[in-house]
């Protein structure tokens, strides 16, 4: 050994004194890669990174930026993303933090297992699995979402093209979700999804284009479209029997045709919030003619309706109001269609016009509703029907969903029909009843009193027709109704003046 020491020293001196010597090291190779400082080649073993506990890792003095170790406490590879003075140990991607149940889809070749699961004719996706669409994927068989999550990264670049010749998304067992995609119907239907009432379907940040029908949804728990652009479709959505049906920032523009939404069956909640629906001549925005029922609430807010076509094909029959589209289960505040809300409910009634001799005459010796043949004026969330009041006689029934306070406006024209007796005082007022016909109150401020002079003044004007204004406020619960009442109060002389003749009646609540 002593004999070789001088040779080693000479060699070391020679190596470190040669300028620009490349510091490349090859292990198991004599020709390391030129771009690599260290090139390890082996078919039998690997590279073992230093292993240590978390405490030992943290005890490394001034660890270099990018220093790599394996932490045996945390079972992961960590590198220093910080500086030697301020280390920041970051976990590299390992089995402890990588996404499970994930598949990248570049073409349907990546869905061979799903095609097998679907019996060779349907791509049956795996439940709770994330399928990332990368680029344009032409789909040749229907897809059963089966509770999976399908998404792209760029809506304009990540596209599913329906090449099935039929409906692309089909499911009778589970829902699923879609995101950041363009769905190209390619002249066919995109959705035909039906469940048992427990499934959820969610789609957002997507474009739906070129379908002859966007599709149908039925018997679902939740159907939710959010931030959706519909382009060049020749038919929209048919939906029925859904618990919660929501659309937010959905745009059905003029490039589409047909009917955007056709609703039927039973719903618990419906909401359309923000967006735009354009229906041109021969087209329909929202079709409600099948009278879908809503058990809790339905709301349309800030959705602009436009175009020369049918913006809303309204409900028909019971519970509808002339000039309006919806039942009182809906709250509607959107440009382009009438506002419909309990807040703008109003009702008007008035006496049937007839001759002077045909006007009704009756006694008001006690509190008596004005007995007159009444016609409906304009009514919205009001009617003139209650089982406790016979005939069409002096009644306005509130049909809204929420308690509301209304202004009372009206008038009554009458004349006494008995000229004998002393000065007489009459009272006219509004009386409120509940839906069962029980009198609740006479709202303060609605009473008006009128005095008729003695018999000796009968020819000087006291017994001519006189007009009584009615005004005030009344708070009504759903189903409550009001009527105009008259009542004899006092007579200063002998002989009762209980009879009056009514010439006109008008009552408005708004």
Protein backbone atom coordinates (compact mmCIF):
# COMPACT_ATOMS: atom_id res chain seq x y z
CA UNK A 1 0.00 0.00 0.00
CA UNK A 2 2.83 2.35 0.76
CA UNK A 3 4.22 1.75 -2.69
CA UNK A 4 0.94 2.79 -4.43
CA UNK A 5 0.33 6.01 -2.44
CA UNK A 6 2.56 8.24 -4.57
CA UNK A 7 0.83 7.01 -7.71
CA UNK A 8 -2.61 7.88 -6.29
CA UNK A 9 -1.48 11.35 -5.29
CA UNK A 10 -0.06 11.96 -8.74
CA UNK A 11 -3.29 10.85 -10.36
CA UNK A 12 -5.42 13.07 -8.10
CA UNK A 13 -3.17 16.02 -8.85
CA UNK A 14 -3.46 15.32 -12.55
CA UNK A 15 -7.30 15.15 -12.49
CA UNK A 16 -7.90 18.32 -10.51
CA UNK A 17 -5.33 20.35 -12.39
CA UNK A 18 -6.75 19.76 -15.88
CA UNK A 19 -8.92 22.79 -16.88
CA UNK A 20 -12.59 22.29 -17.99
CA UNK A 21 -12.64 18.60 -17.08
CA UNK A 22 -16.23 17.30 -17.40
CA UNK A 23 -17.48 16.03 -14.03
CA UNK A 24 -19.55 13.14 -15.47
CA UNK A 25 -19.85 9.95 -13.54
CA UNK A 26 -21.09 6.70 -15.00
CA UNK A 27 -21.99 3.72 -12.87
CA UNK A 28 -22.17 0.46 -14.79
CA UNK A 29 -21.41 2.39 -17.95
CA UNK A 30 -18.31 3.86 -19.56
CA UNK A 31 -20.32 6.26 -21.73
CA UNK A 32 -22.57 8.32 -19.45
CA UNK A 33 -25.14 10.61 -21.05
CA UNK A 34 -23.53 13.95 -21.86
CA UNK A 35 -26.39 15.89 -20.26
CA UNK A 36 -26.19 13.91 -17.01
CA UNK A 37 -23.76 14.59 -14.20
CA UNK A 38 -24.52 11.08 -12.90
CA UNK A 39 -25.71 8.23 -15.13
CA UNK A 40 -26.63 5.02 -13.31
CA UNK A 41 -27.50 2.02 -15.43
CA UNK A 42 -28.79 -1.28 -14.09
CA UNK A 43 -31.29 -3.98 -14.90
CA UNK A 44 -31.07 -5.56 -11.48
CA UNK A 45 -31.20 -2.78 -8.87
CA UNK A 46 -32.36 0.79 -8.30
CA UNK A 47 -31.35 4.03 -6.66
CA UNK A 48 -31.83 4.19 -2.90
CA UNK A 49 -32.48 7.68 -1.58
CA UNK A 50 -31.35 8.38 1.99
CA UNK A 51 -33.96 7.30 4.54
CA UNK A 52 -34.52 9.06 7.83
CA UNK A 53 -37.13 10.04 10.38
CA UNK A 54 -38.88 13.38 10.37
CA UNK A 55 -36.72 14.51 13.28
CA UNK A 56 -33.55 13.53 11.47
CA UNK A 57 -34.73 15.33 8.34
CA UNK A 58 -35.44 18.49 10.29
CA UNK A 59 -32.01 18.25 11.92
CA UNK A 60 -30.17 18.53 8.60
CA UNK A 61 -28.05 21.64 8.79
CA UNK A 62 -28.69 24.16 6.01
CA UNK A 63 -30.34 21.67 3.60
CA UNK A 64 -29.78 22.68 -0.01
CA UNK A 65 -32.70 23.71 -2.13
CA UNK A 66 -34.07 20.58 -3.88
CA UNK A 67 -32.38 18.21 -1.38
CA UNK A 68 -34.29 14.91 -1.50
CA UNK A 69 -34.86 12.34 1.28
CA UNK A 70 -37.35 9.61 2.15
CA UNK A 71 -39.21 10.25 5.42
CA UNK A 72 -39.80 6.92 7.18
CA UNK A 73 -42.27 8.46 9.63
CA UNK A 74 -44.47 9.94 6.90
CA UNK A 75 -43.80 7.27 4.28
CA UNK A 76 -43.03 9.69 1.48
CA UNK A 77 -40.33 11.40 -0.56
CA UNK A 78 -39.74 14.99 0.56
CA UNK A 79 -37.65 17.70 -1.07
CA UNK A 80 -36.65 21.12 0.19
CA UNK A 81 -38.59 23.69 -1.82
CA UNK A 82 -37.27 26.45 0.42
CA UNK A 83 -33.78 27.73 1.03
CA UNK A 84 -31.01 26.37 3.26
CA UNK A 85 -31.81 29.08 5.79
CA UNK A 86 -35.58 28.55 5.65
CA UNK A 87 -36.32 24.96 4.61
CA UNK A 88 -39.75 24.00 3.27
CA UNK A 89 -40.13 20.22 3.01
CA UNK A 90 -42.72 19.28 0.37
CA UNK A 91 -44.13 15.83 -0.29
CA UNK A 92 -43.55 14.52 -3.80
CA UNK A 93 -46.47 12.88 -5.62
CA UNK A 94 -46.78 9.41 -4.15
CA UNK A 95 -49.53 6.95 -3.47
CA UNK A 96 -50.35 8.94 -0.34
CA UNK A 97 -51.61 12.00 -2.26
CA UNK A 98 -52.32 10.97 -5.86
CA UNK A 99 -55.96 10.83 -7.01
CA UNK A 100 -57.66 7.47 -6.76
CA UNK A 101 -60.36 6.26 -9.17
CA UNK A 102 -59.04 8.34 -12.06
CA UNK A 103 -58.83 7.69 -15.80
CA UNK A 104 -57.52 9.94 -18.55
CA UNK A 105 -59.56 9.54 -21.75
CA UNK A 106 -57.93 10.47 -25.06
CA UNK A 107 -60.23 8.24 -27.13
CA UNK A 108 -62.75 5.46 -26.61
CA UNK A 109 -59.80 3.04 -26.66
CA UNK A 110 -59.28 4.17 -23.08
CA UNK A 111 -62.78 2.93 -22.21
CA UNK A 112 -62.37 -0.73 -23.17
CA UNK A 113 -63.03 -1.91 -19.61
CA UNK A 114 -66.17 0.25 -19.45
CA UNK A 115 -67.43 -1.22 -22.73
CA UNK A 116 -66.94 -4.71 -21.34
CA UNK A 117 -68.84 -3.74 -18.19
CA UNK A 118 -71.68 -2.46 -20.37
CA UNK A 119 -72.00 -5.72 -22.25
CA UNK A 120 -70.18 -4.51 -25.33
CA UNK A 121 -72.88 -2.05 -26.39
CA UNK A 122 -72.69 0.65 -23.67
CA UNK A 123 -69.82 2.37 -21.93
CA UNK A 124 -70.77 1.78 -18.29
CA UNK A 125 -68.56 4.12 -16.29
CA UNK A 126 -67.32 3.19 -12.83
CA UNK A 127 -69.18 4.81 -9.97
CA UNK A 128 -67.35 7.60 -8.09
CA UNK A 129 -64.57 7.64 -10.72
CA UNK A 130 -63.17 10.78 -12.35
CA UNK A 131 -62.86 10.57 -16.12
CA UNK A 132 -60.79 13.39 -17.56
CA UNK A 133 -61.54 14.08 -21.24
CA UNK A 134 -58.42 15.15 -23.12
CA UNK A 135 -59.17 16.60 -26.57
CA UNK A 136 -61.97 15.54 -28.91
CA UNK A 137 -63.37 12.09 -28.20
CA UNK A 138 -65.78 10.59 -30.74
CA UNK A 139 -68.12 8.28 -28.83
CA UNK A 140 -69.53 5.32 -30.79
CA UNK A 141 -71.66 3.71 -28.07
CA UNK A 142 -74.02 5.19 -25.45
CA UNK A 143 -72.61 6.15 -22.06
CA UNK A 144 -74.14 5.13 -18.75
CA UNK A 145 -72.76 7.73 -16.33
CA UNK A 146 -73.43 5.41 -13.39
CA UNK A 147 -72.55 8.05 -10.81
CA UNK A 148 -69.22 8.99 -12.39
CA UNK A 149 -67.67 12.45 -12.79
CA UNK A 150 -66.66 13.38 -16.36
CA UNK A 151 -64.74 16.59 -16.96
CA UNK A 152 -62.36 18.41 -19.24
CA UNK A 153 -59.91 21.20 -18.52
CA UNK A 154 -60.83 23.48 -21.44
CA UNK A 155 -64.40 23.69 -22.70
CA UNK A 156 -63.34 24.65 -26.21
CA UNK A 157 -60.74 21.88 -26.50
CA UNK A 158 -62.28 18.98 -24.59
CA UNK A 159 -65.23 17.69 -26.63
CA UNK A 160 -67.48 14.64 -26.62
CA UNK A 161 -69.03 13.97 -30.04
CA UNK A 162 -72.13 11.79 -30.21
CA UNK A 163 -71.47 9.26 -32.96
CA UNK A 164 -73.95 6.68 -31.63
CA UNK A 165 -76.76 7.67 -33.98
CA UNK A 166 -79.00 7.74 -30.90
CA UNK A 167 -78.93 9.07 -27.35
CA UNK A 168 -75.43 9.63 -25.94
CA UNK A 169 -76.03 9.61 -22.17
CA UNK A 170 -78.41 6.94 -20.91
CA UNK A 171 -79.02 5.82 -17.37
CA UNK A 172 -81.74 4.15 -15.36
CA UNK A 173 -79.69 3.41 -12.25
CA UNK A 174 -77.45 6.34 -11.32
CA UNK A 175 -76.87 9.97 -12.09
CA UNK A 176 -73.52 11.63 -12.56
CA UNK A 177 -71.86 14.94 -13.30
CA UNK A 178 -70.26 16.72 -16.26
CA UNK A 179 -67.99 19.75 -16.27
CA UNK A 180 -65.83 21.89 -18.57
CA UNK A 181 -66.94 20.13 -21.74
CA UNK A 182 -68.47 20.75 -25.14
CA UNK A 183 -71.15 18.16 -25.85
CA UNK A 184 -71.75 17.85 -29.60
CA UNK A 185 -75.06 16.15 -30.33
CA UNK A 186 -74.02 15.63 -33.97
CA UNK A 187 -77.68 15.77 -35.04
CA UNK A 188 -78.87 13.29 -32.42
CA UNK A 189 -80.06 13.40 -28.79
CA UNK A 190 -77.67 13.92 -25.89
CA UNK A 191 -79.56 12.93 -22.71
CA UNK A 192 -82.11 10.27 -21.92
CA UNK A 193 -81.73 9.88 -18.17
CA UNK A 194 -84.37 8.37 -15.93
CA UNK A 195 -84.03 7.17 -12.34
CA UNK A 196 -86.04 6.04 -9.35
CA UNK A 197 -86.12 9.46 -7.64
CA UNK A 198 -82.80 9.18 -5.79
CA UNK A 199 -80.31 10.09 -8.55
CA UNK A 200 -78.56 13.43 -9.07
CA UNK A 201 -77.38 14.87 -12.37
CA UNK A 202 -75.16 17.98 -12.42
CA UNK A 203 -73.59 19.75 -15.39
CA UNK A 204 -71.71 23.05 -15.32
CA UNK A 205 -69.33 25.23 -17.31
CA UNK A 206 -70.25 23.49 -20.54
CA UNK A 207 -71.52 24.06 -24.10
CA UNK A 208 -74.32 21.97 -25.60
CA UNK A 209 -74.32 22.14 -29.38
CA UNK A 210 -75.86 20.53 -32.45
CA UNK A 211 -78.43 18.21 -30.88
CA UNK A 212 -81.78 17.45 -32.46
CA UNK A 213 -82.95 17.23 -28.86
CA UNK A 214 -80.94 18.14 -25.79
CA UNK A 215 -82.87 15.33 -24.15
CA UNK A 216 -85.07 14.21 -21.29
CA UNK A 217 -84.85 13.78 -17.52
CA UNK A 218 -87.41 12.01 -15.36
CA UNK A 219 -87.79 10.56 -11.87
CA UNK A 220 -84.67 12.27 -10.51
CA UNK A 221 -83.75 13.78 -7.16
CA UNK A 222 -81.68 16.71 -8.49
CA UNK A 223 -81.13 18.03 -12.01
CA UNK A 224 -78.83 21.06 -12.00
CA UNK A 225 -77.55 22.99 -15.05
CA UNK A 226 -75.12 25.82 -14.24
CA UNK A 227 -73.28 28.15 -16.64
CA UNK A 228 -74.47 26.42 -19.79
CA UNK A 229 -74.52 27.75 -23.36
CA UNK A 230 -76.94 26.10 -25.81
CA UNK A 231 -75.98 26.57 -29.47
CA UNK A 232 -77.54 25.32 -32.75
CA UNK A 233 -79.86 22.78 -31.14
CA UNK A 234 -83.20 21.98 -32.81
CA UNK A 235 -84.91 20.81 -29.63
CA UNK A 236 -84.48 21.42 -25.93
CA UNK A 237 -85.31 19.59 -22.72
CA UNK A 238 -88.33 17.55 -21.65
CA UNK A 239 -88.39 17.07 -17.88
CA UNK A 240 -90.85 15.45 -15.50
CA UNK A 241 -91.17 14.21 -11.92
CA UNK A 242 -88.04 15.76 -10.43
CA UNK A 243 -87.57 16.77 -6.81
CA UNK A 244 -85.21 19.73 -7.36
CA UNK A 245 -84.85 21.21 -10.85
CA UNK A 246 -82.36 24.09 -11.08
CA UNK A 247 -80.94 26.24 -13.90
CA UNK A 248 -78.42 28.98 -13.25
CA UNK A 249 -76.84 31.17 -15.95
CA UNK A 250 -78.26 29.12 -18.81
CA UNK A 251 -78.37 30.73 -22.26
CA UNK A 252 -80.69 29.49 -25.03
CA UNK A 253 -79.82 31.86 -27.85
CA UNK A 254 -81.36 32.58 -31.26
CA UNK A 255 -79.32 29.86 -32.99
CA UNK A 256 -81.53 27.23 -31.32
CA UNK A 257 -85.03 26.26 -32.42
CA UNK A 258 -88.00 24.31 -31.09
CA UNK A 259 -88.94 24.41 -27.41
CA UNK A 260 -86.31 25.08 -24.78
CA UNK A 261 -88.09 23.56 -21.76
CA UNK A 262 -91.20 21.37 -21.59
CA UNK A 263 -92.18 20.59 -17.98
CA UNK A 264 -94.74 18.05 -16.81
CA UNK A 265 -95.50 15.85 -13.84
CA UNK A 266 -94.55 16.67 -10.25
CA UNK A 267 -91.76 18.84 -8.88
CA UNK A 268 -90.85 19.89 -5.35
CA UNK A 269 -88.63 22.87 -6.19
CA UNK A 270 -87.93 24.64 -9.48
CA UNK A 271 -85.55 27.54 -9.93
CA UNK A 272 -84.33 29.42 -12.99
CA UNK A 273 -81.83 32.11 -11.99
CA UNK A 274 -80.16 34.48 -14.44
CA UNK A 275 -79.66 33.74 -18.10
CA UNK A 276 -81.49 34.35 -21.38
CA UNK A 277 -84.16 32.50 -23.36
CA UNK A 278 -84.80 33.62 -26.94
CA UNK A 279 -87.74 32.08 -28.80
CA UNK A 280 -88.36 33.24 -32.35
CA UNK A 281 -91.53 32.82 -34.44
CA UNK A 282 -92.83 29.26 -34.19
CA UNK A 283 -90.66 28.48 -31.18
CA UNK A 284 -91.39 28.27 -27.44
CA UNK A 285 -89.23 29.22 -24.50
CA UNK A 286 -90.99 27.53 -21.58
CA UNK A 287 -93.94 25.16 -22.11
CA UNK A 288 -96.16 24.73 -19.03
CA UNK A 289 -99.33 23.65 -20.83
CA UNK A 290 -99.12 20.18 -19.21
CA UNK A 291 -99.71 21.92 -15.85
CA UNK A 292 -96.71 20.62 -13.85
CA UNK A 293 -97.37 20.60 -10.12
CA UNK A 294 -95.01 22.24 -7.60
CA UNK A 295 -95.30 21.14 -3.98
CA UNK A 296 -92.97 23.69 -2.37
CA UNK A 297 -91.75 26.58 -4.53
CA UNK A 298 -90.90 27.63 -8.05
CA UNK A 299 -88.87 30.75 -8.85
CA UNK A 300 -87.72 32.51 -12.02
CA UNK A 301 -85.50 35.53 -11.41
CA UNK A 302 -83.40 37.66 -13.76
CA UNK A 303 -83.90 35.38 -16.76
CA UNK A 304 -84.45 37.56 -19.84
CA UNK A 305 -87.19 36.31 -22.19
CA UNK A 306 -86.97 37.64 -25.72
CA UNK A 307 -87.97 36.95 -29.31
CA UNK A 308 -91.11 37.08 -31.46
CA UNK A 309 -92.19 33.53 -30.60
CA UNK A 310 -94.04 32.12 -27.58
CA UNK A 311 -92.00 33.08 -24.56
CA UNK A 312 -94.13 31.06 -22.15
CA UNK A 313 -96.89 28.62 -23.07
CA UNK A 314 -98.95 29.09 -19.89
CA UNK A 315 -100.75 26.87 -17.43
CA UNK A 316 -104.37 26.15 -18.26
CA UNK A 317 -107.54 25.73 -16.23
CA UNK A 318 -107.94 26.11 -12.47
CA UNK A 319 -105.49 28.37 -10.67
CA UNK A 320 -104.67 30.56 -13.67
CA UNK A 321 -105.28 34.25 -14.24
CA UNK A 322 -106.06 36.07 -17.45
CA UNK A 323 -102.96 37.69 -18.95
CA UNK A 324 -100.57 35.68 -16.78
CA UNK A 325 -98.57 32.48 -17.33
CA UNK A 326 -98.10 30.69 -14.01
CA UNK A 327 -100.03 29.48 -10.98
CA UNK A 328 -99.55 31.01 -7.55
CA UNK A 329 -96.90 28.38 -6.73
CA UNK A 330 -94.46 30.48 -8.76
CA UNK A 331 -92.56 33.68 -8.04
CA UNK A 332 -91.53 35.31 -11.31
CA UNK A 333 -89.45 38.46 -11.77
CA UNK A 334 -87.85 38.41 -15.21
CA UNK A 335 -87.67 40.90 -18.07
CA UNK A 336 -89.86 40.07 -21.04
CA UNK A 337 -92.75 38.35 -19.22
CA UNK A 338 -95.29 39.60 -16.65
CA UNK A 339 -94.13 39.76 -13.06
CA UNK A 340 -95.94 37.20 -10.91
CA UNK A 341 -95.62 37.37 -7.15
CA UNK A 342 -97.72 37.75 -4.03
CA UNK A 343 -96.20 41.22 -3.87
CA UNK A 344 -98.13 42.33 -6.93
CA UNK A 345 -101.39 40.46 -6.29
CA UNK A 346 -104.51 42.59 -6.81
CA UNK A 347 -108.24 42.19 -7.21
CA UNK A 348 -111.16 44.34 -8.35
CA UNK A 349 -114.93 43.87 -8.30
CA UNK A 350 -117.77 46.19 -9.30
CA UNK A 351 -121.56 46.16 -9.49
CA UNK A 352 -123.27 44.92 -12.61
CA UNK A 353 -124.52 47.97 -14.51
CA UNK A 354 -128.29 48.07 -14.87
CA UNK A 355 -131.19 50.49 -14.95
CA UNK A 356 -132.17 52.73 -12.04
CA UNK A 357 -135.24 50.66 -11.32
CA UNK A 358 -133.28 47.44 -11.46
CA UNK A 359 -130.73 48.40 -8.85
CA UNK A 360 -131.02 46.34 -5.66
CA UNK A 361 -132.84 47.65 -2.60
CA UNK A 362 -132.42 45.93 0.76
CA UNK A 363 -132.34 46.42 4.53
CA UNK A 364 -129.20 47.19 6.53
CA UNK A 365 -130.95 47.26 9.92
CA UNK A 366 -128.00 45.14 11.15
CA UNK A 367 -124.55 44.57 9.74
CA UNK A 368 -125.27 43.38 6.20
CA UNK A 369 -123.04 42.70 3.18
CA UNK A 370 -123.94 44.96 0.30
CA UNK A 371 -126.35 42.81 -1.66
CA UNK A 372 -125.57 43.41 -5.31
CA UNK A 373 -124.80 41.43 -8.41
CA UNK A 374 -121.03 41.76 -8.74
CA UNK A 375 -118.79 41.30 -11.78
CA UNK A 376 -115.11 40.45 -11.72
CA UNK A 377 -112.75 43.16 -12.79
CA UNK A 378 -109.06 42.39 -13.03
CA UNK A 379 -107.89 39.60 -10.76
CA UNK A 380 -104.39 38.32 -10.07
CA UNK A 381 -104.01 35.88 -7.18
CA UNK A 382 -107.54 36.83 -6.21
CA UNK A 383 -110.87 35.23 -6.97
CA UNK A 384 -114.55 35.85 -6.16
CA UNK A 385 -115.25 32.29 -4.96
CA UNK A 386 -115.64 30.91 -1.46
CA UNK A 387 -117.91 28.03 -0.46
CA UNK A 388 -119.31 30.08 2.46
CA UNK A 389 -120.60 32.85 0.19
CA UNK A 390 -123.32 31.94 -2.26
CA UNK A 391 -123.46 33.54 -5.66
CA UNK A 392 -121.18 36.13 -7.14
CA UNK A 393 -121.79 38.63 -4.38
CA UNK A 394 -119.37 41.24 -3.03
CA UNK A 395 -116.29 39.14 -2.23
CA UNK A 396 -112.56 39.24 -2.94
CA UNK A 397 -110.61 36.09 -1.96
CA UNK A 398 -106.81 36.24 -1.61
CA UNK A 399 -105.12 33.23 -3.27
CA UNK A 400 -101.44 34.04 -2.67
CA UNK A 401 -99.00 31.90 -0.71
CA UNK A 402 -97.76 34.50 1.77
CA UNK A 403 -99.51 36.84 4.20
CA UNK A 404 -99.66 40.33 2.78
CA UNK A 405 -101.04 43.78 3.65
CA UNK A 406 -103.17 45.39 0.93
CA UNK A 407 -104.37 48.90 0.29
CA UNK A 408 -108.15 49.21 0.07
CA UNK A 409 -109.71 51.48 -2.52
CA UNK A 410 -113.35 51.67 -3.49
CA UNK A 411 -116.64 53.52 -3.45
CA UNK A 412 -120.33 52.97 -2.88
CA UNK A 413 -123.23 55.02 -4.30
CA UNK A 414 -126.62 54.64 -2.59
CA UNK A 415 -129.82 56.42 -1.62
CA UNK A 416 -132.21 55.88 1.28
CA UNK A 417 -135.54 54.45 0.12
CA UNK A 418 -137.50 55.52 3.24
CA UNK A 419 -138.10 59.24 3.62
CA UNK A 420 -139.91 59.19 6.93
CA UNK A 421 -138.16 59.46 10.27
CA UNK A 422 -135.52 61.65 11.81
CA UNK A 423 -131.87 62.18 10.95
CA UNK A 424 -130.24 58.80 10.33
CA UNK A 425 -126.60 57.68 10.50
CA UNK A 426 -125.25 54.78 8.40
CA UNK A 427 -121.85 53.09 8.48
CA UNK A 428 -120.07 51.39 5.57
CA UNK A 429 -116.86 49.39 6.01
CA UNK A 430 -114.71 46.40 5.01
CA UNK A 431 -114.95 43.12 6.94
CA UNK A 432 -112.29 40.41 6.83
CA UNK A 433 -113.09 36.67 7.00
CA UNK A 434 -110.92 33.57 7.13
CA UNK A 435 -111.22 30.80 4.55
CA UNK A 436 -113.76 28.97 6.71
CA UNK A 437 -116.08 31.98 6.68
CA UNK A 438 -115.37 33.19 10.24
CA UNK A 439 -115.43 36.95 10.72
CA UNK A 440 -111.99 38.11 11.89
CA UNK A 441 -112.04 41.89 12.03
CA UNK A 442 -113.12 45.23 10.66
CA UNK A 443 -109.74 46.77 9.78
CA UNK A 444 -109.26 50.11 11.49
CA UNK A 445 -109.65 53.07 9.18
CA UNK A 446 -111.97 51.43 6.69
CA UNK A 447 -115.23 52.71 8.26
CA UNK A 448 -117.12 55.59 6.65
CA UNK A 449 -120.20 57.22 8.26
CA UNK A 450 -122.97 59.04 6.44
CA UNK A 451 -125.88 61.00 7.89
CA UNK A 452 -129.23 61.55 6.17
CA UNK A 453 -131.33 64.47 7.36
CA UNK A 454 -134.88 64.48 8.72
CA UNK A 455 -137.94 63.83 6.59
CA UNK A 456 -138.61 67.52 6.24
CA UNK A 457 -135.40 67.81 4.22
CA UNK A 458 -136.22 64.98 1.84
CA UNK A 459 -136.88 67.27 -1.08
CA UNK A 460 -133.79 69.40 -0.59
CA UNK A 461 -131.17 66.75 -1.32
CA UNK A 462 -130.71 64.53 1.73
CA UNK A 463 -132.43 61.64 -0.02
CA UNK A 464 -130.68 61.91 -3.36
CA UNK A 465 -127.97 59.43 -4.47
CA UNK A 466 -124.71 59.96 -2.61
CA UNK A 467 -121.20 58.48 -3.10
CA UNK A 468 -119.19 57.06 -0.20
CA UNK A 469 -115.41 56.55 -0.62
CA UNK A 470 -113.81 53.48 0.93
CA UNK A 471 -110.12 53.26 1.83
CA UNK A 472 -107.70 51.82 4.34
CA UNK A 473 -105.46 48.76 4.69
CA UNK A 474 -106.15 45.12 5.41
CA UNK A 475 -103.79 42.21 6.12
CA UNK A 476 -104.83 38.91 4.55
CA UNK A 477 -103.62 35.37 5.07
CA UNK A 478 -103.88 32.95 2.15
CA UNK A 479 -107.56 32.07 1.70
CA UNK A 480 -108.90 35.10 3.59
CA UNK A 481 -111.53 37.27 1.92
CA UNK A 482 -113.17 40.66 2.36
CA UNK A 483 -116.65 42.06 1.74
CA UNK A 484 -118.23 45.53 1.88
CA UNK A 485 -120.76 45.94 4.70
CA UNK A 486 -123.46 48.51 5.49
CA UNK A 487 -125.14 49.07 8.84
CA UNK A 488 -127.87 51.33 10.29
CA UNK A 489 -126.41 53.13 13.32
CA UNK A 490 -129.01 55.55 14.75
CA UNK A 491 -132.22 57.46 14.02
CA UNK A 492 -133.08 60.66 15.90
CA UNK A 493 -136.80 60.42 15.19
CA UNK A 494 -139.51 57.80 15.04
CA UNK A 495 -139.57 55.25 12.23
CA UNK A 496 -136.67 53.24 11.00
CA UNK A 497 -134.78 54.14 7.83
CA UNK A 498 -133.16 50.75 7.27
CA UNK A 499 -133.61 50.35 3.54
CA UNK A 500 -131.22 51.61 0.89
CA UNK A 501 -130.84 51.25 -2.88
CA UNK A 502 -127.31 50.67 -4.25
CA UNK A 503 -126.36 52.22 -7.57
CA UNK A 504 -122.68 51.39 -7.81
CA UNK A 505 -120.01 49.41 -5.94
CA UNK A 506 -116.29 49.19 -6.63
CA UNK A 507 -113.63 47.54 -4.49
CA UNK A 508 -109.92 47.14 -5.26
CA UNK A 509 -107.18 45.54 -3.17
CA UNK A 510 -103.60 46.03 -4.33
